[in-house]
Amino acid sequence: SKNEVVKNSINLKANQLVLSGKHAALSALRNTNRRLFYLISTKDHYKVWEKIITDLRLSIEVKIKTKEQLDIINNFKPHQNVILIVEHLTRISLDEFLTEQQFTSKHPLRIIILDQVTDPQNVGAIIRSAYAFKMDALALSQTNSPIESIGMSKASSGTIEKLKIIELSNMSRAIRKLQDANFHVYGLANGG
């Protein structure tokens, strides 16, 4: 079908993610830890994005497609005439985070740990709130958490680019490690 031809034209690889919308694209472009592949926009909007890319001193290609092609690539979800093809963000280990932060942080560190929160949009909304409340990181289970997705990015309003994401292989061991490092640990449970 025509839709499949358009989708195949962007030739998405396994390590690539489609981000759409102005906030998500702009935040990703500003994130120096994010690997960028290329940006897709419409004929009417590509100059604006070319200027942003130039101003940020980036060198990524801007491809021009019709609004209808962007609709197809983005599964008919809102895109604000911009789609950015990026690599998934790399999650860091708790040890990497603690080693990196112990020398740079001037205040006690605050981490939110999510256990069995599997809906990408819920995780994205929590990332947005965590960033708003000046948390230093958000930790997710290696096995029981969603991978980064367009829904997660949109729900985070681009703040997924600004908050450290930690991946935990063993949650109870990580909590003990934090307690041993003098963290106060508070647990909240749905339904009390």
N, C-alpha and C. Protein backbone atom coordinates (compact mmCIF):
# COMPACT_ATOMS: atom_id res chain seq x y z
N SER A 1 0.84 -1.19 0.00
CA SER A 1 0.00 0.00 0.00
C SER A 1 0.88 1.25 0.00
N LYS A 2 0.24 2.37 -0.31
CA LYS A 2 0.95 3.65 -0.36
C LYS A 2 1.56 3.99 1.01
N ASN A 3 0.81 3.71 2.09
CA ASN A 3 1.31 3.99 3.44
C ASN A 3 2.59 3.21 3.75
N GLU A 4 2.62 1.95 3.35
CA GLU A 4 3.81 1.12 3.59
C GLU A 4 5.01 1.65 2.81
N VAL A 5 4.79 2.12 1.58
CA VAL A 5 5.87 2.68 0.76
C VAL A 5 6.46 3.90 1.45
N VAL A 6 5.59 4.78 1.98
CA VAL A 6 6.06 6.00 2.67
C VAL A 6 6.83 5.61 3.93
N LYS A 7 6.28 4.69 4.73
CA LYS A 7 6.96 4.26 5.96
C LYS A 7 8.31 3.64 5.64
N ASN A 8 8.36 2.81 4.61
CA ASN A 8 9.63 2.17 4.22
C ASN A 8 10.64 3.18 3.69
N SER A 9 10.17 4.31 3.20
CA SER A 9 11.07 5.32 2.64
C SER A 9 11.99 5.92 3.70
N ILE A 10 11.59 5.87 4.97
CA ILE A 10 12.49 6.40 6.00
C ILE A 10 13.43 5.33 6.54
N ASN A 11 13.17 4.05 6.20
CA ASN A 11 14.11 2.97 6.48
C ASN A 11 14.60 2.96 7.93
N LEU A 12 13.70 2.93 8.87
CA LEU A 12 14.04 2.96 10.29
C LEU A 12 14.80 1.72 10.70
N LYS A 13 15.92 1.92 11.40
CA LYS A 13 16.73 0.79 11.89
C LYS A 13 16.34 0.48 13.34
N ALA A 14 16.79 -0.65 13.86
CA ALA A 14 16.40 -1.11 15.20
C ALA A 14 16.76 -0.12 16.30
N ASN A 15 17.87 0.59 16.14
CA ASN A 15 18.30 1.52 17.19
C ASN A 15 17.72 2.92 17.00
N GLN A 16 16.82 3.09 16.02
CA GLN A 16 16.27 4.41 15.73
C GLN A 16 14.86 4.57 16.28
N LEU A 17 14.55 5.79 16.67
CA LEU A 17 13.28 6.14 17.27
C LEU A 17 12.74 7.37 16.54
N VAL A 18 11.43 7.41 16.33
CA VAL A 18 10.78 8.57 15.72
C VAL A 18 10.28 9.46 16.85
N LEU A 19 10.74 10.71 16.88
CA LEU A 19 10.20 11.71 17.80
C LEU A 19 9.44 12.72 16.96
N SER A 20 8.31 13.19 17.46
CA SER A 20 7.55 14.17 16.69
C SER A 20 7.06 15.30 17.58
N GLY A 21 6.82 16.44 16.96
CA GLY A 21 6.34 17.60 17.70
C GLY A 21 7.47 18.56 18.03
N LYS A 22 7.12 19.84 18.15
CA LYS A 22 8.13 20.88 18.36
C LYS A 22 8.92 20.70 19.65
N HIS A 23 8.20 20.48 20.79
CA HIS A 23 8.89 20.36 22.08
C HIS A 23 9.86 19.18 22.09
N ALA A 24 9.38 18.02 21.64
CA ALA A 24 10.23 16.83 21.65
C ALA A 24 11.44 17.01 20.74
N ALA A 25 11.21 17.56 19.53
CA ALA A 25 12.31 17.74 18.58
C ALA A 25 13.34 18.75 19.10
N LEU A 26 12.87 19.88 19.60
CA LEU A 26 13.77 20.92 20.09
C LEU A 26 14.58 20.42 21.29
N SER A 27 13.92 19.74 22.22
CA SER A 27 14.63 19.20 23.39
C SER A 27 15.68 18.19 22.97
N ALA A 28 15.33 17.32 22.02
CA ALA A 28 16.29 16.31 21.55
C ALA A 28 17.47 16.97 20.83
N LEU A 29 17.19 17.99 20.02
CA LEU A 29 18.27 18.69 19.32
C LEU A 29 19.23 19.35 20.30
N ARG A 30 18.72 19.82 21.43
CA ARG A 30 19.55 20.50 22.43
C ARG A 30 20.29 19.52 23.34
N ASN A 31 19.91 18.26 23.32
CA ASN A 31 20.51 17.27 24.20
C ASN A 31 21.82 16.77 23.58
N THR A 32 22.94 17.14 24.18
CA THR A 32 24.24 16.75 23.64
C THR A 32 24.51 15.25 23.81
N ASN A 33 23.71 14.57 24.65
CA ASN A 33 23.87 13.13 24.85
C ASN A 33 23.01 12.31 23.90
N ARG A 34 22.27 12.97 23.04
CA ARG A 34 21.34 12.28 22.13
C ARG A 34 21.98 12.17 20.76
N ARG A 35 22.05 10.97 20.19
CA ARG A 35 22.55 10.81 18.83
C ARG A 35 21.41 11.10 17.86
N LEU A 36 21.66 12.01 16.95
CA LEU A 36 20.66 12.46 15.98
C LEU A 36 20.98 11.90 14.60
N PHE A 37 19.95 11.47 13.88
CA PHE A 37 20.17 10.97 12.53
C PHE A 37 19.74 12.01 11.49
N TYR A 38 18.46 12.36 11.44
CA TYR A 38 18.00 13.40 10.52
C TYR A 38 16.63 13.89 10.95
N LEU A 39 16.26 15.03 10.41
CA LEU A 39 14.98 15.66 10.71
C LEU A 39 14.14 15.69 9.44
N ILE A 40 12.85 15.50 9.59
CA ILE A 40 11.92 15.57 8.46
C ILE A 40 10.91 16.67 8.74
N SER A 41 10.70 17.54 7.77
CA SER A 41 9.70 18.59 7.92
C SER A 41 9.04 18.85 6.57
N THR A 42 8.07 19.74 6.58
CA THR A 42 7.39 20.08 5.33
C THR A 42 8.10 21.24 4.65
N LYS A 43 7.77 21.45 3.40
CA LYS A 43 8.36 22.53 2.60
C LYS A 43 8.16 23.89 3.29
N ASP A 44 7.00 24.08 3.92
CA ASP A 44 6.69 25.36 4.58
C ASP A 44 7.45 25.57 5.89
N HIS A 45 7.94 24.50 6.50
CA HIS A 45 8.54 24.62 7.83
C HIS A 45 10.02 24.27 7.91
N TYR A 46 10.59 23.70 6.85
CA TYR A 46 11.96 23.19 6.96
C TYR A 46 12.99 24.30 7.19
N LYS A 47 12.77 25.50 6.66
CA LYS A 47 13.74 26.61 6.84
C LYS A 47 13.89 26.95 8.33
N VAL A 48 12.77 26.95 9.06
CA VAL A 48 12.80 27.24 10.50
C VAL A 48 13.69 26.21 11.20
N TRP A 49 13.51 24.93 10.84
CA TRP A 49 14.30 23.87 11.47
C TRP A 49 15.75 23.91 11.02
N GLU A 50 16.00 24.26 9.78
CA GLU A 50 17.39 24.42 9.32
C GLU A 50 18.10 25.50 10.12
N LYS A 51 17.40 26.60 10.40
CA LYS A 51 17.98 27.70 11.19
C LYS A 51 18.28 27.24 12.62
N ILE A 52 17.34 26.53 13.22
CA ILE A 52 17.54 26.02 14.59
C ILE A 52 18.76 25.10 14.62
N ILE A 53 18.86 24.21 13.65
CA ILE A 53 19.99 23.27 13.57
C ILE A 53 21.31 24.03 13.40
N THR A 54 21.32 25.04 12.55
CA THR A 54 22.51 25.87 12.34
C THR A 54 22.87 26.62 13.61
N ASP A 55 21.86 27.23 14.26
CA ASP A 55 22.10 27.99 15.50
C ASP A 55 22.65 27.10 16.61
N LEU A 56 22.25 25.82 16.62
CA LEU A 56 22.75 24.89 17.62
C LEU A 56 24.08 24.25 17.21
N ARG A 57 24.60 24.67 16.05
CA ARG A 57 25.87 24.17 15.50
C ARG A 57 25.85 22.64 15.30
N LEU A 58 24.74 22.15 14.80
CA LEU A 58 24.59 20.73 14.51
C LEU A 58 24.72 20.53 13.01
N SER A 59 25.08 19.33 12.63
CA SER A 59 25.10 19.05 11.19
C SER A 59 24.31 17.77 10.95
N ILE A 60 23.02 17.94 10.84
CA ILE A 60 22.17 16.81 10.47
C ILE A 60 21.32 17.23 9.27
N GLU A 61 20.99 16.25 8.48
CA GLU A 61 20.23 16.50 7.26
C GLU A 61 18.77 16.82 7.60
N VAL A 62 18.20 17.75 6.83
CA VAL A 62 16.77 18.05 6.93
C VAL A 62 16.13 17.56 5.64
N LYS A 63 15.22 16.59 5.77
CA LYS A 63 14.53 16.05 4.61
C LYS A 63 13.15 16.68 4.52
N ILE A 64 12.70 16.89 3.29
CA ILE A 64 11.38 17.50 3.07
C ILE A 64 10.39 16.44 2.60
N LYS A 65 9.27 16.39 3.29
CA LYS A 65 8.17 15.49 2.92
C LYS A 65 6.87 16.29 2.99
N THR A 66 5.82 15.76 2.42
CA THR A 66 4.51 16.42 2.50
C THR A 66 3.91 16.18 3.88
N LYS A 67 2.92 16.97 4.23
CA LYS A 67 2.22 16.79 5.50
C LYS A 67 1.59 15.39 5.54
N GLU A 68 1.07 14.94 4.41
CA GLU A 68 0.45 13.62 4.34
C GLU A 68 1.48 12.52 4.61
N GLN A 69 2.71 12.69 4.09
CA GLN A 69 3.77 11.71 4.34
C GLN A 69 4.16 11.71 5.82
N LEU A 70 4.23 12.89 6.44
CA LEU A 70 4.52 12.98 7.87
C LEU A 70 3.42 12.29 8.68
N ASP A 71 2.16 12.48 8.26
CA ASP A 71 1.03 11.81 8.93
C ASP A 71 1.24 10.30 8.93
N ILE A 72 1.62 9.76 7.79
CA ILE A 72 1.81 8.31 7.65
C ILE A 72 2.99 7.83 8.51
N ILE A 73 4.11 8.54 8.42
CA ILE A 73 5.31 8.17 9.19
C ILE A 73 4.99 8.18 10.68
N ASN A 74 4.16 9.12 11.11
CA ASN A 74 3.84 9.28 12.54
C ASN A 74 2.55 8.56 12.93
N ASN A 75 2.12 7.59 12.12
CA ASN A 75 0.91 6.81 12.42
C ASN A 75 -0.32 7.67 12.67
N PHE A 76 -0.43 8.76 11.92
CA PHE A 76 -1.59 9.66 11.96
C PHE A 76 -1.81 10.29 13.33
N LYS A 77 -0.71 10.45 14.09
CA LYS A 77 -0.77 11.18 15.36
C LYS A 77 -0.20 12.57 15.12
N PRO A 78 -0.56 13.55 15.96
CA PRO A 78 -0.07 14.92 15.75
C PRO A 78 1.45 14.99 15.70
N HIS A 79 1.98 15.83 14.79
CA HIS A 79 3.44 15.95 14.65
C HIS A 79 3.92 17.39 14.52
N GLN A 80 3.02 18.35 14.35
CA GLN A 80 3.38 19.77 14.22
C GLN A 80 4.42 20.00 13.11
N ASN A 81 4.31 19.22 12.05
CA ASN A 81 5.17 19.36 10.87
C ASN A 81 6.66 19.12 11.12
N VAL A 82 6.97 18.33 12.16
CA VAL A 82 8.38 17.99 12.39
C VAL A 82 8.48 16.58 12.97
N ILE A 83 9.40 15.81 12.39
CA ILE A 83 9.72 14.47 12.88
C ILE A 83 11.25 14.39 12.93
N LEU A 84 11.75 13.90 14.04
CA LEU A 84 13.19 13.78 14.23
C LEU A 84 13.52 12.30 14.44
N ILE A 85 14.47 11.80 13.68
CA ILE A 85 14.90 10.41 13.82
C ILE A 85 16.16 10.42 14.68
N VAL A 86 16.08 9.72 15.82
CA VAL A 86 17.15 9.74 16.82
C VAL A 86 17.47 8.32 17.27
N GLU A 87 18.56 8.20 18.03
CA GLU A 87 18.87 6.92 18.67
C GLU A 87 18.24 6.93 20.06
N HIS A 88 17.82 5.75 20.53
CA HIS A 88 17.27 5.66 21.89
C HIS A 88 18.29 6.22 22.88
N LEU A 89 17.80 6.89 23.92
CA LEU A 89 18.69 7.38 24.97
C LEU A 89 19.33 6.20 25.69
N THR A 90 20.56 6.36 26.09
CA THR A 90 21.25 5.33 26.84
C THR A 90 20.94 5.51 28.32
N ARG A 91 20.43 4.46 28.93
CA ARG A 91 20.20 4.50 30.38
C ARG A 91 21.52 4.20 31.06
N ILE A 92 21.74 4.81 32.21
CA ILE A 92 22.99 4.59 32.93
C ILE A 92 22.75 3.68 34.13
N SER A 93 23.82 3.11 34.66
CA SER A 93 23.69 2.26 35.85
C SER A 93 23.67 3.15 37.09
N LEU A 94 23.19 2.60 38.18
CA LEU A 94 23.17 3.35 39.44
C LEU A 94 24.59 3.73 39.84
N ASP A 95 25.55 2.81 39.66
CA ASP A 95 26.95 3.11 40.01
C ASP A 95 27.49 4.28 39.18
N GLU A 96 27.19 4.28 37.87
CA GLU A 96 27.64 5.40 37.02
C GLU A 96 27.05 6.71 37.52
N PHE A 97 25.76 6.69 37.84
CA PHE A 97 25.09 7.92 38.31
C PHE A 97 25.73 8.40 39.61
N LEU A 98 25.89 7.51 40.58
CA LEU A 98 26.44 7.92 41.88
C LEU A 98 27.87 8.41 41.75
N THR A 99 28.68 7.74 40.94
CA THR A 99 30.07 8.16 40.74
C THR A 99 30.13 9.54 40.10
N GLU A 100 29.30 9.74 39.07
CA GLU A 100 29.28 11.02 38.35
C GLU A 100 28.76 12.15 39.25
N GLN A 101 27.74 11.89 40.03
CA GLN A 101 27.09 12.94 40.80
C GLN A 101 27.79 13.30 42.10
N GLN A 102 28.53 12.36 42.69
CA GLN A 102 29.13 12.65 44.00
C GLN A 102 30.14 13.80 43.92
N PHE A 103 30.70 14.03 42.73
CA PHE A 103 31.68 15.10 42.59
C PHE A 103 31.05 16.41 42.09
N THR A 104 29.89 16.33 41.49
CA THR A 104 29.32 17.53 40.88
C THR A 104 28.12 18.11 41.63
N SER A 105 27.45 17.30 42.44
CA SER A 105 26.23 17.78 43.09
C SER A 105 26.54 18.54 44.37
N LYS A 106 25.88 19.69 44.51
CA LYS A 106 26.08 20.52 45.70
C LYS A 106 24.95 20.33 46.70
N HIS A 107 24.00 19.49 46.38
CA HIS A 107 22.86 19.24 47.26
C HIS A 107 22.61 17.74 47.37
N PRO A 108 21.85 17.32 48.38
CA PRO A 108 21.54 15.88 48.48
C PRO A 108 20.81 15.41 47.21
N LEU A 109 21.20 14.25 46.72
CA LEU A 109 20.60 13.72 45.49
C LEU A 109 19.21 13.16 45.75
N ARG A 110 18.33 13.31 44.75
CA ARG A 110 16.97 12.78 44.85
C ARG A 110 16.67 11.95 43.61
N ILE A 111 16.29 10.70 43.85
CA ILE A 111 16.01 9.76 42.77
C ILE A 111 14.60 9.20 42.96
N ILE A 112 13.85 9.11 41.89
CA ILE A 112 12.56 8.42 41.93
C ILE A 112 12.78 7.04 41.31
N ILE A 113 12.34 6.01 42.02
CA ILE A 113 12.45 4.64 41.52
C ILE A 113 11.04 4.15 41.20
N LEU A 114 10.84 3.70 39.97
CA LEU A 114 9.54 3.18 39.58
C LEU A 114 9.59 1.66 39.51
N ASP A 115 8.63 1.04 40.16
CA ASP A 115 8.54 -0.42 40.15
C ASP A 115 7.23 -0.83 39.48
N GLN A 116 7.31 -1.57 38.41
CA GLN A 116 6.17 -2.09 37.68
C GLN A 116 5.25 -1.01 37.12
N VAL A 117 5.82 0.12 36.74
CA VAL A 117 5.06 1.13 35.98
C VAL A 117 5.41 0.85 34.52
N THR A 118 4.48 0.24 33.80
CA THR A 118 4.79 -0.27 32.47
C THR A 118 4.19 0.55 31.33
N ASP A 119 3.31 1.48 31.63
CA ASP A 119 2.70 2.29 30.57
C ASP A 119 3.65 3.44 30.20
N PRO A 120 4.09 3.51 28.93
CA PRO A 120 5.05 4.54 28.52
C PRO A 120 4.56 5.96 28.79
N GLN A 121 3.26 6.21 28.63
CA GLN A 121 2.75 7.57 28.86
C GLN A 121 2.77 7.92 30.35
N ASN A 122 2.50 6.93 31.22
CA ASN A 122 2.61 7.19 32.66
C ASN A 122 4.05 7.49 33.04
N VAL A 123 4.98 6.71 32.49
CA VAL A 123 6.40 6.95 32.77
C VAL A 123 6.79 8.35 32.28
N GLY A 124 6.34 8.72 31.07
CA GLY A 124 6.64 10.05 30.54
C GLY A 124 6.09 11.16 31.42
N ALA A 125 4.86 11.00 31.90
CA ALA A 125 4.25 12.02 32.78
C ALA A 125 5.02 12.11 34.11
N ILE A 126 5.47 10.97 34.62
CA ILE A 126 6.25 10.97 35.86
C ILE A 126 7.61 11.64 35.63
N ILE A 127 8.22 11.40 34.47
CA ILE A 127 9.48 12.07 34.13
C ILE A 127 9.28 13.59 34.12
N ARG A 128 8.18 14.04 33.51
CA ARG A 128 7.88 15.48 33.46
C ARG A 128 7.74 16.06 34.87
N SER A 129 7.00 15.36 35.74
CA SER A 129 6.82 15.82 37.13
C SER A 129 8.14 15.77 37.90
N ALA A 130 8.91 14.70 37.70
CA ALA A 130 10.20 14.56 38.39
C ALA A 130 11.13 15.72 38.03
N TYR A 131 11.14 16.08 36.75
CA TYR A 131 11.98 17.20 36.32
C TYR A 131 11.48 18.51 36.92
N ALA A 132 10.15 18.69 36.94
CA ALA A 132 9.56 19.92 37.50
C ALA A 132 9.90 20.07 38.98
N PHE A 133 9.97 18.94 39.69
CA PHE A 133 10.28 18.97 41.12
C PHE A 133 11.77 18.82 41.40
N LYS A 134 12.59 19.04 40.36
CA LYS A 134 14.05 19.08 40.47
C LYS A 134 14.65 17.78 41.01
N MET A 135 14.10 16.65 40.59
CA MET A 135 14.71 15.36 40.92
C MET A 135 15.98 15.23 40.09
N ASP A 136 16.93 14.46 40.57
CA ASP A 136 18.19 14.29 39.86
C ASP A 136 18.17 13.14 38.86
N ALA A 137 17.30 12.17 39.12
CA ALA A 137 17.25 11.01 38.22
C ALA A 137 15.96 10.24 38.44
N LEU A 138 15.67 9.39 37.48
CA LEU A 138 14.54 8.47 37.58
C LEU A 138 15.09 7.09 37.26
N ALA A 139 14.77 6.12 38.13
CA ALA A 139 15.29 4.76 37.94
C ALA A 139 14.17 3.82 37.54
N LEU A 140 14.47 2.98 36.55
CA LEU A 140 13.51 2.00 36.03
C LEU A 140 14.13 0.62 36.08
N SER A 141 13.29 -0.37 36.28
CA SER A 141 13.74 -1.75 36.27
C SER A 141 14.16 -2.15 34.86
N GLN A 142 15.20 -2.94 34.77
CA GLN A 142 15.70 -3.42 33.48
C GLN A 142 14.67 -4.32 32.80
N THR A 143 13.93 -5.07 33.59
CA THR A 143 13.02 -6.07 33.02
C THR A 143 11.56 -5.65 32.98
N ASN A 144 11.14 -4.76 33.86
CA ASN A 144 9.71 -4.48 33.96
C ASN A 144 9.39 -3.01 33.72
N SER A 145 10.00 -2.46 32.68
CA SER A 145 9.72 -1.06 32.34
C SER A 145 9.69 -0.91 30.82
N PRO A 146 8.95 0.09 30.34
CA PRO A 146 8.85 0.25 28.89
C PRO A 146 10.12 0.86 28.31
N ILE A 147 10.39 0.53 27.03
CA ILE A 147 11.50 1.18 26.34
C ILE A 147 11.04 2.58 25.94
N GLU A 148 12.00 3.43 25.67
CA GLU A 148 11.68 4.80 25.25
C GLU A 148 10.84 4.74 23.98
N SER A 149 9.80 5.57 23.94
CA SER A 149 8.90 5.59 22.79
C SER A 149 8.44 7.01 22.53
N ILE A 150 7.79 7.18 21.39
CA ILE A 150 7.25 8.50 21.05
C ILE A 150 6.22 8.94 22.08
N GLY A 151 5.40 8.00 22.58
CA GLY A 151 4.39 8.32 23.59
C GLY A 151 5.02 8.78 24.89
N MET A 152 6.11 8.11 25.29
CA MET A 152 6.82 8.49 26.51
C MET A 152 7.42 9.87 26.36
N SER A 153 8.05 10.12 25.22
CA SER A 153 8.67 11.42 24.97
C SER A 153 7.63 12.54 24.97
N LYS A 154 6.51 12.31 24.28
CA LYS A 154 5.45 13.33 24.23
C LYS A 154 4.88 13.61 25.61
N ALA A 155 4.62 12.55 26.39
CA ALA A 155 4.06 12.72 27.74
C ALA A 155 5.04 13.46 28.65
N SER A 156 6.34 13.32 28.37
CA SER A 156 7.34 14.01 29.19
C SER A 156 7.54 15.47 28.76
N SER A 157 6.90 15.87 27.66
CA SER A 157 7.06 17.22 27.09
C SER A 157 8.53 17.56 26.84
N GLY A 158 9.29 16.57 26.44
CA GLY A 158 10.70 16.80 26.11
C GLY A 158 11.64 16.73 27.31
N THR A 159 11.11 16.61 28.54
CA THR A 159 12.00 16.59 29.71
C THR A 159 12.76 15.28 29.83
N ILE A 160 12.39 14.25 29.06
CA ILE A 160 13.15 13.01 29.05
C ILE A 160 14.59 13.28 28.60
N GLU A 161 14.78 14.37 27.87
CA GLU A 161 16.12 14.75 27.39
C GLU A 161 16.96 15.39 28.50
N LYS A 162 16.32 15.80 29.60
CA LYS A 162 17.02 16.58 30.63
C LYS A 162 17.24 15.83 31.94
N LEU A 163 16.56 14.71 32.11
CA LEU A 163 16.63 13.97 33.37
C LEU A 163 17.44 12.70 33.16
N LYS A 164 18.33 12.39 34.08
CA LYS A 164 19.10 11.14 34.01
C LYS A 164 18.15 9.96 34.21
N ILE A 165 18.26 8.96 33.35
CA ILE A 165 17.46 7.75 33.48
C ILE A 165 18.40 6.60 33.85
N ILE A 166 18.12 6.00 34.99
CA ILE A 166 18.95 4.91 35.51
C ILE A 166 18.23 3.59 35.25
N GLU A 167 19.00 2.58 34.87
CA GLU A 167 18.41 1.25 34.69
C GLU A 167 18.92 0.34 35.81
N LEU A 168 17.98 -0.26 36.52
CA LEU A 168 18.32 -1.13 37.65
C LEU A 168 18.16 -2.59 37.27
N SER A 169 19.20 -3.39 37.51
CA SER A 169 19.08 -4.82 37.23
C SER A 169 18.41 -5.54 38.40
N ASN A 170 18.58 -5.03 39.62
CA ASN A 170 17.96 -5.62 40.80
C ASN A 170 17.53 -4.49 41.72
N MET A 171 16.22 -4.28 41.81
CA MET A 171 15.71 -3.13 42.54
C MET A 171 16.00 -3.19 44.04
N SER A 172 15.81 -4.34 44.68
CA SER A 172 16.04 -4.40 46.13
C SER A 172 17.52 -4.20 46.46
N ARG A 173 18.41 -4.73 45.60
CA ARG A 173 19.86 -4.52 45.81
C ARG A 173 20.19 -3.03 45.64
N ALA A 174 19.57 -2.38 44.66
CA ALA A 174 19.82 -0.95 44.42
C ALA A 174 19.35 -0.11 45.60
N ILE A 175 18.20 -0.46 46.16
CA ILE A 175 17.70 0.29 47.33
C ILE A 175 18.63 0.12 48.51
N ARG A 176 19.13 -1.11 48.73
CA ARG A 176 20.10 -1.33 49.81
C ARG A 176 21.37 -0.51 49.58
N LYS A 177 21.82 -0.46 48.33
CA LYS A 177 23.02 0.32 47.99
C LYS A 177 22.79 1.81 48.29
N LEU A 178 21.61 2.31 47.97
CA LEU A 178 21.29 3.71 48.26
C LEU A 178 21.24 3.96 49.77
N GLN A 179 20.65 3.03 50.52
CA GLN A 179 20.61 3.17 51.98
C GLN A 179 22.03 3.17 52.55
N ASP A 180 22.89 2.30 52.03
CA ASP A 180 24.29 2.26 52.48
C ASP A 180 25.03 3.55 52.14
N ALA A 181 24.56 4.24 51.10
CA ALA A 181 25.17 5.52 50.70
C ALA A 181 24.47 6.70 51.39
N ASN A 182 23.74 6.41 52.47
CA ASN A 182 23.06 7.43 53.30
C ASN A 182 21.88 8.12 52.62
N PHE A 183 21.25 7.47 51.68
CA PHE A 183 20.01 7.98 51.11
C PHE A 183 18.87 7.62 52.06
N HIS A 184 17.90 8.51 52.20
CA HIS A 184 16.65 8.18 52.89
C HIS A 184 15.74 7.58 51.82
N VAL A 185 15.11 6.46 52.12
CA VAL A 185 14.26 5.80 51.14
C VAL A 185 12.82 5.81 51.65
N TYR A 186 11.92 6.33 50.81
CA TYR A 186 10.51 6.38 51.14
C TYR A 186 9.76 5.57 50.10
N GLY A 187 8.83 4.74 50.52
CA GLY A 187 8.07 3.92 49.59
C GLY A 187 6.62 4.34 49.56
N LEU A 188 6.06 4.39 48.36
CA LEU A 188 4.64 4.72 48.19
C LEU A 188 3.99 3.55 47.46
N ALA A 189 2.78 3.20 47.91
CA ALA A 189 2.08 2.09 47.27
C ALA A 189 0.69 2.53 46.87
N ASN A 190 0.28 2.16 45.66
CA ASN A 190 -1.06 2.45 45.19
C ASN A 190 -2.05 1.71 46.07
N GLY A 191 -3.02 2.42 46.61
CA GLY A 191 -4.02 1.78 47.45
C GLY A 191 -3.56 1.60 48.89
N GLY A 192 -2.42 2.14 49.24
CA GLY A 192 -1.97 2.12 50.64
C GLY A 192 -1.36 0.80 51.03
